Amino acid sequence: MLEDKVAIVTGAGRGLGRSEAIELARQGATVVVQDFGTAMDGSGSNADPSHDVVKEIEAAGGTAMAHFGDIADYAYVQGLVAETVEKYGDVHIVVNNAGILRDRMVFNMEEAEWDAVVRVHLKGHFNTIRHATAHWRQRSKDGNEVYGRVINTTSEAALFGSPGQPNYASAKAGIIGLTTSTANGMVKYGVTSNAIAPRARTLMTETSMPEMFGGEVKEGDFDVWAPENVAPLVAFLASPAAARVTGQVFIIWGNQVTHLQGPRVDDRYETEGRWTADGLAKTLEPVFAKREPLQGYILPMA
């Protein structure tokens, strides 16, 4: 599906990014395996994971290049895109995965914990999109053919507000807004922009939700949490078959793909003239008194 295409995959040294990079390569893409090799909280760095994935891809007959650096560094990402274009002639696909966690309740969160998570997730996504879309726009202005696919990684935490992750939930919600804004801004160039909210076993989920993602899978059983279950959706969204799919959000896990619809009108209330606070209380309090309070953020399993 992706013969002659060039893809940049961030956070591709492990977990979801690794599975997605391998799948894109299996579908014929040349893959730039970008990773900083940090711990889950963003500390440290290690170039080995990206090089290990490149070796896997090459051993299977694919083409790949490792790229090591901080995805939230604007200048580094500018160089990443420029180097990819210089080496391979173009870049067609950007898959944003890189992220970290620094979980804490909102009343205990330190400023640095907020800044670090928003920086890596939201600014990291912006950086690759900023430089890739500038490249595609210039190609269009020069009269060249444009093939552009942006696939971002959001989370159900953005939809339901995971209580111990105000930084992560906010960044992931911002990524949805960035996805749809990019879709609207780039549609005239034929560039698509979509987001996935994956459920998969990764370093992040095994650490933050061991009760769900921990444990062993019996031999022969279908592993619903395998990151390899997510990769085919990324390959589809990166392919020519998804040319008319843009500005969308999908939840993906196991053998299920859930297509989300944007915020919808639940109900509408009107009054004569201007609302008063007392009038709103009399109208809305009984409505919400009947509803269960929010509990958790994971969608039902079926």
Protein backbone atom coordinates (compact mmCIF):
# COMPACT_ATOMS: atom_id res chain seq x y z
CA MET A 1 0.00 0.00 0.00
CA LEU A 2 2.90 2.39 0.62
CA GLU A 3 5.42 1.58 -2.08
CA ASP A 4 7.74 4.55 -2.81
CA LYS A 5 6.44 6.49 0.22
CA VAL A 6 8.68 7.99 2.92
CA ALA A 7 7.47 8.08 6.52
CA ILE A 8 8.73 9.70 9.71
CA VAL A 9 7.55 7.90 12.85
CA THR A 10 8.33 9.57 16.18
CA GLY A 11 8.75 7.58 19.36
CA ALA A 12 9.38 4.60 17.11
CA GLY A 13 11.97 2.83 19.24
CA ARG A 14 9.47 0.94 21.36
CA GLY A 15 5.82 0.07 21.82
CA LEU A 16 3.27 1.51 19.44
CA GLY A 17 5.78 3.51 17.41
CA ARG A 18 7.93 0.46 16.83
CA SER A 19 4.96 -1.63 15.66
CA GLU A 20 3.78 1.15 13.38
CA ALA A 21 7.22 1.70 11.86
CA ILE A 22 7.57 -2.01 11.14
CA GLU A 23 4.09 -2.17 9.57
CA LEU A 24 4.69 0.88 7.37
CA ALA A 25 7.94 -0.69 6.18
CA ARG A 26 6.15 -3.98 5.54
CA GLN A 27 3.73 -2.05 3.35
CA GLY A 28 6.65 -0.72 1.30
CA ALA A 29 7.45 2.63 2.94
CA THR A 30 10.93 3.89 3.70
CA VAL A 31 10.81 4.70 7.41
CA VAL A 32 12.71 7.23 9.47
CA VAL A 33 12.69 5.71 12.95
CA GLN A 34 12.80 8.71 15.27
CA ASP A 35 13.26 8.19 18.99
CA PHE A 36 14.98 9.86 21.94
CA GLY A 37 15.06 6.69 24.04
CA THR A 38 13.97 8.34 27.28
CA ALA A 39 12.47 6.75 30.35
CA MET A 40 8.71 7.02 30.78
CA ASP A 41 9.06 10.31 32.67
CA GLY A 42 11.24 11.82 29.95
CA SER A 43 14.53 11.44 31.78
CA GLY A 44 17.71 10.15 30.13
CA SER A 45 18.21 9.24 26.49
CA ASN A 46 19.36 6.24 24.51
CA ALA A 47 19.98 5.88 20.78
CA ASP A 48 19.84 2.07 20.84
CA PRO A 49 16.04 1.59 20.49
CA SER A 50 15.81 3.46 17.18
CA HIS A 51 18.81 1.60 15.76
CA ASP A 52 17.36 -1.73 16.92
CA VAL A 53 14.11 -1.08 15.03
CA VAL A 54 16.05 -0.12 11.90
CA LYS A 55 17.87 -3.47 12.11
CA GLU A 56 14.52 -5.28 12.38
CA ILE A 57 13.16 -3.49 9.33
CA GLU A 58 16.29 -4.09 7.29
CA ALA A 59 16.39 -7.76 8.30
CA ALA A 60 12.89 -8.09 6.84
CA GLY A 61 14.02 -6.50 3.57
CA GLY A 62 12.83 -2.95 4.24
CA THR A 63 14.56 0.42 4.19
CA ALA A 64 14.91 2.56 7.29
CA MET A 65 17.05 5.20 8.96
CA ALA A 66 17.45 5.93 12.66
CA HIS A 67 17.12 9.48 13.92
CA PHE A 68 17.93 10.45 17.48
CA GLY A 69 16.77 13.66 19.17
CA ASP A 70 14.27 15.62 21.22
CA ILE A 71 11.01 15.85 19.27
CA ALA A 72 9.98 18.92 21.28
CA ASP A 73 13.03 20.85 20.04
CA TYR A 74 11.75 22.99 17.15
CA ALA A 75 15.14 23.35 15.43
CA TYR A 76 15.91 19.64 15.74
CA VAL A 77 12.63 18.70 14.06
CA GLN A 78 13.21 21.24 11.30
CA GLY A 79 16.48 19.43 10.64
CA LEU A 80 14.80 16.02 10.85
CA VAL A 81 12.34 16.91 8.08
CA ALA A 82 15.00 18.64 5.96
CA GLU A 83 17.39 15.70 6.27
CA THR A 84 14.66 13.23 5.35
CA VAL A 85 13.76 15.22 2.23
CA GLU A 86 17.42 15.62 1.28
CA LYS A 87 18.15 11.91 1.68
CA TYR A 88 14.99 10.44 0.15
CA GLY A 89 13.67 13.26 -2.05
CA ASP A 90 10.42 13.83 -0.17
CA VAL A 91 8.46 13.00 2.96
CA HIS A 92 4.92 11.71 2.58
CA ILE A 93 3.81 10.48 6.00
CA VAL A 94 4.26 11.78 9.54
CA VAL A 95 3.21 9.55 12.43
CA ASN A 96 3.42 11.23 15.84
CA ASN A 97 3.83 8.90 18.82
CA ALA A 98 6.48 10.35 21.11
CA GLY A 99 5.31 11.12 24.63
CA ILE A 100 6.03 10.90 28.34
CA LEU A 101 4.06 10.64 31.57
CA ARG A 102 4.32 12.53 34.84
CA ASP A 103 1.11 11.57 36.58
CA ARG A 104 -0.24 13.44 39.58
CA MET A 105 -3.55 14.80 40.79
CA VAL A 106 -4.17 18.39 39.69
CA PHE A 107 -3.92 19.74 43.24
CA ASN A 108 -0.46 18.18 43.65
CA MET A 109 1.00 18.77 40.20
CA GLU A 110 4.18 20.80 39.92
CA GLU A 111 4.63 23.36 37.16
CA ALA A 112 7.55 21.39 35.72
CA GLU A 113 5.42 18.23 35.48
CA TRP A 114 2.76 20.11 33.54
CA ASP A 115 5.26 21.80 31.23
CA ALA A 116 7.24 18.63 30.46
CA VAL A 117 4.24 16.55 29.39
CA VAL A 118 2.58 19.30 27.34
CA ARG A 119 5.94 20.10 25.73
CA VAL A 120 6.65 16.56 24.53
CA HIS A 121 3.13 15.57 23.49
CA LEU A 122 1.56 18.74 22.14
CA LYS A 123 4.58 20.76 21.05
CA GLY A 124 6.24 17.61 19.74
CA HIS A 125 3.23 16.96 17.52
CA PHE A 126 3.17 20.59 16.42
CA ASN A 127 6.86 20.59 15.48
CA THR A 128 6.66 17.72 13.01
CA ILE A 129 3.38 18.98 11.56
CA ARG A 130 4.71 22.52 11.24
CA HIS A 131 7.76 21.55 9.22
CA ALA A 132 6.13 18.78 7.18
CA THR A 133 3.18 20.96 6.15
CA ALA A 134 5.53 23.80 5.20
CA HIS A 135 7.35 21.35 2.92
CA TRP A 136 4.10 20.17 1.33
CA ARG A 137 2.82 23.72 0.83
CA GLN A 138 6.07 24.70 -0.88
CA ARG A 139 5.88 21.66 -3.15
CA SER A 140 2.38 22.73 -4.16
CA LYS A 141 3.50 26.31 -4.83
CA ASP A 142 6.35 24.95 -6.98
CA GLY A 143 3.86 22.99 -9.07
CA ASN A 144 4.90 19.57 -7.76
CA GLU A 145 2.64 16.72 -6.74
CA VAL A 146 1.86 16.61 -3.02
CA TYR A 147 1.23 13.46 -1.00
CA GLY A 148 0.80 14.22 2.68
CA ARG A 149 -0.54 12.16 5.56
CA VAL A 150 -0.48 13.18 9.24
CA ILE A 151 -1.42 10.55 11.83
CA ASN A 152 -1.43 11.79 15.42
CA THR A 153 -1.74 9.89 18.67
CA THR A 154 -4.34 11.10 21.12
CA SER A 155 -5.94 9.19 24.00
CA GLU A 156 -9.26 8.42 25.60
CA ALA A 157 -7.86 10.40 28.52
CA ALA A 158 -8.62 13.47 26.40
CA LEU A 159 -12.27 12.44 26.07
CA PHE A 160 -13.00 11.52 29.68
CA GLY A 161 -10.40 13.45 31.66
CA SER A 162 -8.37 10.81 33.50
CA PRO A 163 -8.21 12.19 37.05
CA GLY A 164 -4.52 11.59 37.75
CA GLN A 165 -3.35 12.96 34.41
CA PRO A 166 -4.44 16.58 34.00
CA ASN A 167 -1.28 17.36 32.00
CA TYR A 168 -1.57 14.29 29.76
CA ALA A 169 -5.35 14.61 29.24
CA SER A 170 -4.97 18.28 28.32
CA ALA A 171 -2.12 17.63 25.89
CA LYS A 172 -4.04 14.80 24.24
CA ALA A 173 -7.14 16.97 23.93
CA GLY A 174 -4.97 19.65 22.34
CA ILE A 175 -3.75 17.09 19.84
CA ILE A 176 -7.33 16.51 18.69
CA GLY A 177 -7.71 20.24 18.11
CA LEU A 178 -4.37 20.34 16.30
CA THR A 179 -5.45 17.39 14.16
CA THR A 180 -8.69 18.96 12.99
CA SER A 181 -7.11 22.39 12.51
CA THR A 182 -4.41 20.81 10.36
CA ALA A 183 -7.04 18.90 8.39
CA ASN A 184 -8.93 22.11 7.63
CA GLY A 185 -5.80 24.09 6.86
CA MET A 186 -4.24 21.52 4.54
CA VAL A 187 -7.24 20.11 2.72
CA LYS A 188 -6.67 22.35 -0.30
CA TYR A 189 -3.23 20.78 -0.74
CA GLY A 190 -4.62 17.24 -0.60
CA VAL A 191 -3.02 16.56 2.79
CA THR A 192 -4.98 14.55 5.35
CA SER A 193 -4.74 14.73 9.13
CA ASN A 194 -6.25 12.17 11.50
CA ALA A 195 -5.79 10.97 15.07
CA ILE A 196 -5.94 7.60 16.75
CA ALA A 197 -6.60 6.83 20.41
CA PRO A 198 -5.00 3.42 20.89
CA ARG A 199 -5.35 0.96 23.72
CA ALA A 200 -2.22 -1.16 23.77
CA ARG A 201 0.41 -2.65 26.03
CA THR A 202 3.30 -0.19 26.17
CA LEU A 203 5.79 1.01 28.75
CA MET A 204 3.31 3.79 29.61
CA THR A 205 0.21 1.68 30.02
CA GLU A 206 1.91 -1.20 31.81
CA THR A 207 3.23 1.28 34.36
CA SER A 208 0.20 3.55 34.74
CA MET A 209 -2.53 0.85 34.45
CA PRO A 210 -0.93 -2.50 35.35
CA GLU A 211 -4.30 -3.95 36.39
CA MET A 212 -5.48 -3.72 32.77
CA PHE A 213 -2.36 -4.05 30.65
CA GLY A 214 -0.13 -6.17 32.87
CA GLY A 215 -0.04 -9.93 33.03
CA GLU A 216 0.83 -12.62 30.54
CA VAL A 217 -1.09 -13.81 27.52
CA LYS A 218 -1.63 -17.53 27.18
CA GLU A 219 -0.01 -19.09 24.14
CA GLY A 220 -2.50 -19.25 21.28
CA ASP A 221 -4.83 -16.61 22.73
CA PHE A 222 -5.53 -13.40 20.87
CA ASP A 223 -3.64 -10.62 22.61
CA VAL A 224 -6.11 -7.73 22.59
CA TRP A 225 -3.51 -5.34 24.01
CA ALA A 226 -0.75 -6.05 21.47
CA PRO A 227 0.49 -2.83 19.83
CA GLU A 228 0.59 -4.74 16.55
CA ASN A 229 -3.23 -4.55 16.54
CA VAL A 230 -3.00 -0.77 16.14
CA ALA A 231 -0.47 -0.61 13.32
CA PRO A 232 -2.77 -1.61 10.42
CA LEU A 233 -5.03 1.40 11.04
CA VAL A 234 -2.00 3.67 10.83
CA ALA A 235 -0.97 2.02 7.58
CA PHE A 236 -4.46 2.51 6.16
CA LEU A 237 -4.59 6.18 7.15
CA ALA A 238 -1.17 6.66 5.56
CA SER A 239 -2.25 5.02 2.30
CA PRO A 240 -3.88 6.32 -0.90
CA ALA A 241 -7.03 4.44 0.15
CA ALA A 242 -7.56 7.05 2.91
CA ALA A 243 -7.41 10.08 0.61
CA ARG A 244 -10.92 11.16 1.66
CA VAL A 245 -10.45 10.46 5.38
CA THR A 246 -9.37 13.60 7.23
CA GLY A 247 -10.10 15.39 10.50
CA GLN A 248 -11.22 12.13 12.10
CA VAL A 249 -10.52 10.42 15.43
CA PHE A 250 -10.50 6.64 15.86
CA ILE A 251 -10.23 4.48 18.96
CA ILE A 252 -8.39 1.27 18.13
CA TRP A 253 -7.67 -1.81 20.23
CA GLY A 254 -7.84 -5.56 19.81
CA ASN A 255 -10.14 -6.25 16.86
CA GLN A 256 -12.23 -3.08 17.29
CA VAL A 257 -12.09 0.26 15.52
CA THR A 258 -14.42 2.94 16.91
CA HIS A 259 -14.98 6.04 14.81
CA LEU A 260 -15.74 9.09 16.95
CA GLN A 261 -18.05 11.90 15.99
CA GLY A 262 -17.27 15.43 17.11
CA PRO A 263 -19.13 17.14 19.98
CA ARG A 264 -22.86 16.86 19.33
CA VAL A 265 -25.86 18.74 20.67
CA ASP A 266 -27.32 16.79 23.57
CA ASP A 267 -30.28 19.05 24.26
CA ARG A 268 -31.32 22.68 23.90
CA TYR A 269 -33.16 24.92 26.36
CA GLU A 270 -34.77 28.28 25.61
CA THR A 271 -36.49 30.98 27.60
CA GLU A 272 -38.26 34.26 26.95
CA GLY A 273 -35.62 36.96 26.61
CA ARG A 274 -32.40 36.62 28.63
CA TRP A 275 -31.76 33.68 30.92
CA THR A 276 -31.47 34.35 34.64
CA ALA A 277 -29.28 32.34 37.01
CA ASP A 278 -32.40 31.25 38.91
CA GLY A 279 -34.12 30.22 35.70
CA LEU A 280 -31.11 28.16 34.64
CA ALA A 281 -31.00 26.51 38.05
CA LYS A 282 -34.66 25.53 37.83
CA THR A 283 -34.19 24.19 34.31
CA LEU A 284 -30.81 22.46 34.45
CA GLU A 285 -30.50 21.24 38.03
CA PRO A 286 -33.26 18.61 37.61
CA VAL A 287 -31.68 17.41 34.34
CA PHE A 288 -28.24 16.76 35.84
CA ALA A 289 -29.62 15.47 39.12
CA LYS A 290 -30.80 12.40 37.18
CA ARG A 291 -27.39 11.71 35.65
CA GLU A 292 -24.65 9.57 37.10
CA PRO A 293 -21.43 11.44 37.90
CA LEU A 294 -18.48 10.83 35.63
CA GLN A 295 -16.59 7.68 36.51
CA GLY A 296 -13.34 6.90 34.77
CA TYR A 297 -12.45 7.52 31.16
CA ILE A 298 -12.23 4.11 29.47
CA LEU A 299 -15.00 3.35 27.01
CA PRO A 300 -16.98 0.13 27.47
CA MET A 301 -15.24 -2.97 26.16
CA ALA A 302 -18.13 -3.91 23.90
